[in-house]
């Protein structure tokens, strides 16, 4: 493998990890916002 090929593979891997991290964060925030009414209800029942 040449140095250029190794650099390109490293950049591709880094880009893939970054995209997956952003999509994972988006999925987590979306799930919390969708489930917020249920979470608020359960929290109210738990503390009252």
Protein backbone atom coordinates (compact mmCIF):
# COMPACT_ATOMS: atom_id res chain seq x y z
CA UNK A 1 0.00 0.00 0.00
CA UNK A 2 1.21 3.44 -0.80
CA UNK A 3 1.09 6.31 1.63
CA UNK A 4 -1.63 8.03 -0.42
CA UNK A 5 -3.87 4.97 -0.26
CA UNK A 6 -3.44 4.75 3.49
CA UNK A 7 -4.29 8.45 3.89
CA UNK A 8 -7.42 8.11 1.72
CA UNK A 9 -8.56 5.09 3.72
CA UNK A 10 -7.99 6.98 6.97
CA UNK A 11 -10.01 9.96 5.73
CA UNK A 12 -12.84 7.69 4.58
CA UNK A 13 -12.93 5.97 7.95
CA UNK A 14 -12.90 9.28 9.81
CA UNK A 15 -15.69 10.65 7.62
CA UNK A 16 -17.78 7.52 8.18
CA UNK A 17 -17.34 7.73 11.94
CA UNK A 18 -18.25 11.43 11.93
CA UNK A 19 -21.39 10.88 9.86
CA UNK A 20 -22.48 7.97 12.04
CA UNK A 21 -21.92 10.05 15.19
CA UNK A 22 -24.04 12.92 13.84
CA UNK A 23 -26.81 10.56 12.76
CA UNK A 24 -26.70 8.80 16.14
CA UNK A 25 -27.01 12.10 17.97
CA UNK A 26 -29.94 13.07 15.75
CA UNK A 27 -31.62 9.72 16.44
CA UNK A 28 -31.13 10.09 20.19
CA UNK A 29 -32.55 13.63 20.27
CA UNK A 30 -35.48 12.59 18.09
CA UNK A 31 -36.27 9.61 20.32
CA UNK A 32 -36.22 11.76 23.45
CA UNK A 33 -38.45 14.42 21.89
CA UNK A 34 -40.93 11.83 20.63
CA UNK A 35 -41.03 10.02 23.99
CA UNK A 36 -41.11 13.22 26.08
CA UNK A 37 -44.82 13.04 27.05
CA UNK A 38 -44.42 9.46 28.27
CA UNK A 39 -41.22 10.30 30.13
CA UNK A 40 -42.88 13.29 31.79
CA UNK A 41 -45.86 11.15 32.81
CA UNK A 42 -43.66 8.43 34.28
CA UNK A 43 -41.55 11.02 36.09
CA UNK A 44 -44.66 12.63 37.59
CA UNK A 45 -45.96 9.25 38.74
CA UNK A 46 -42.58 8.33 40.19
CA UNK A 47 -42.13 11.51 42.27
CA UNK A 48 -45.77 12.01 43.36
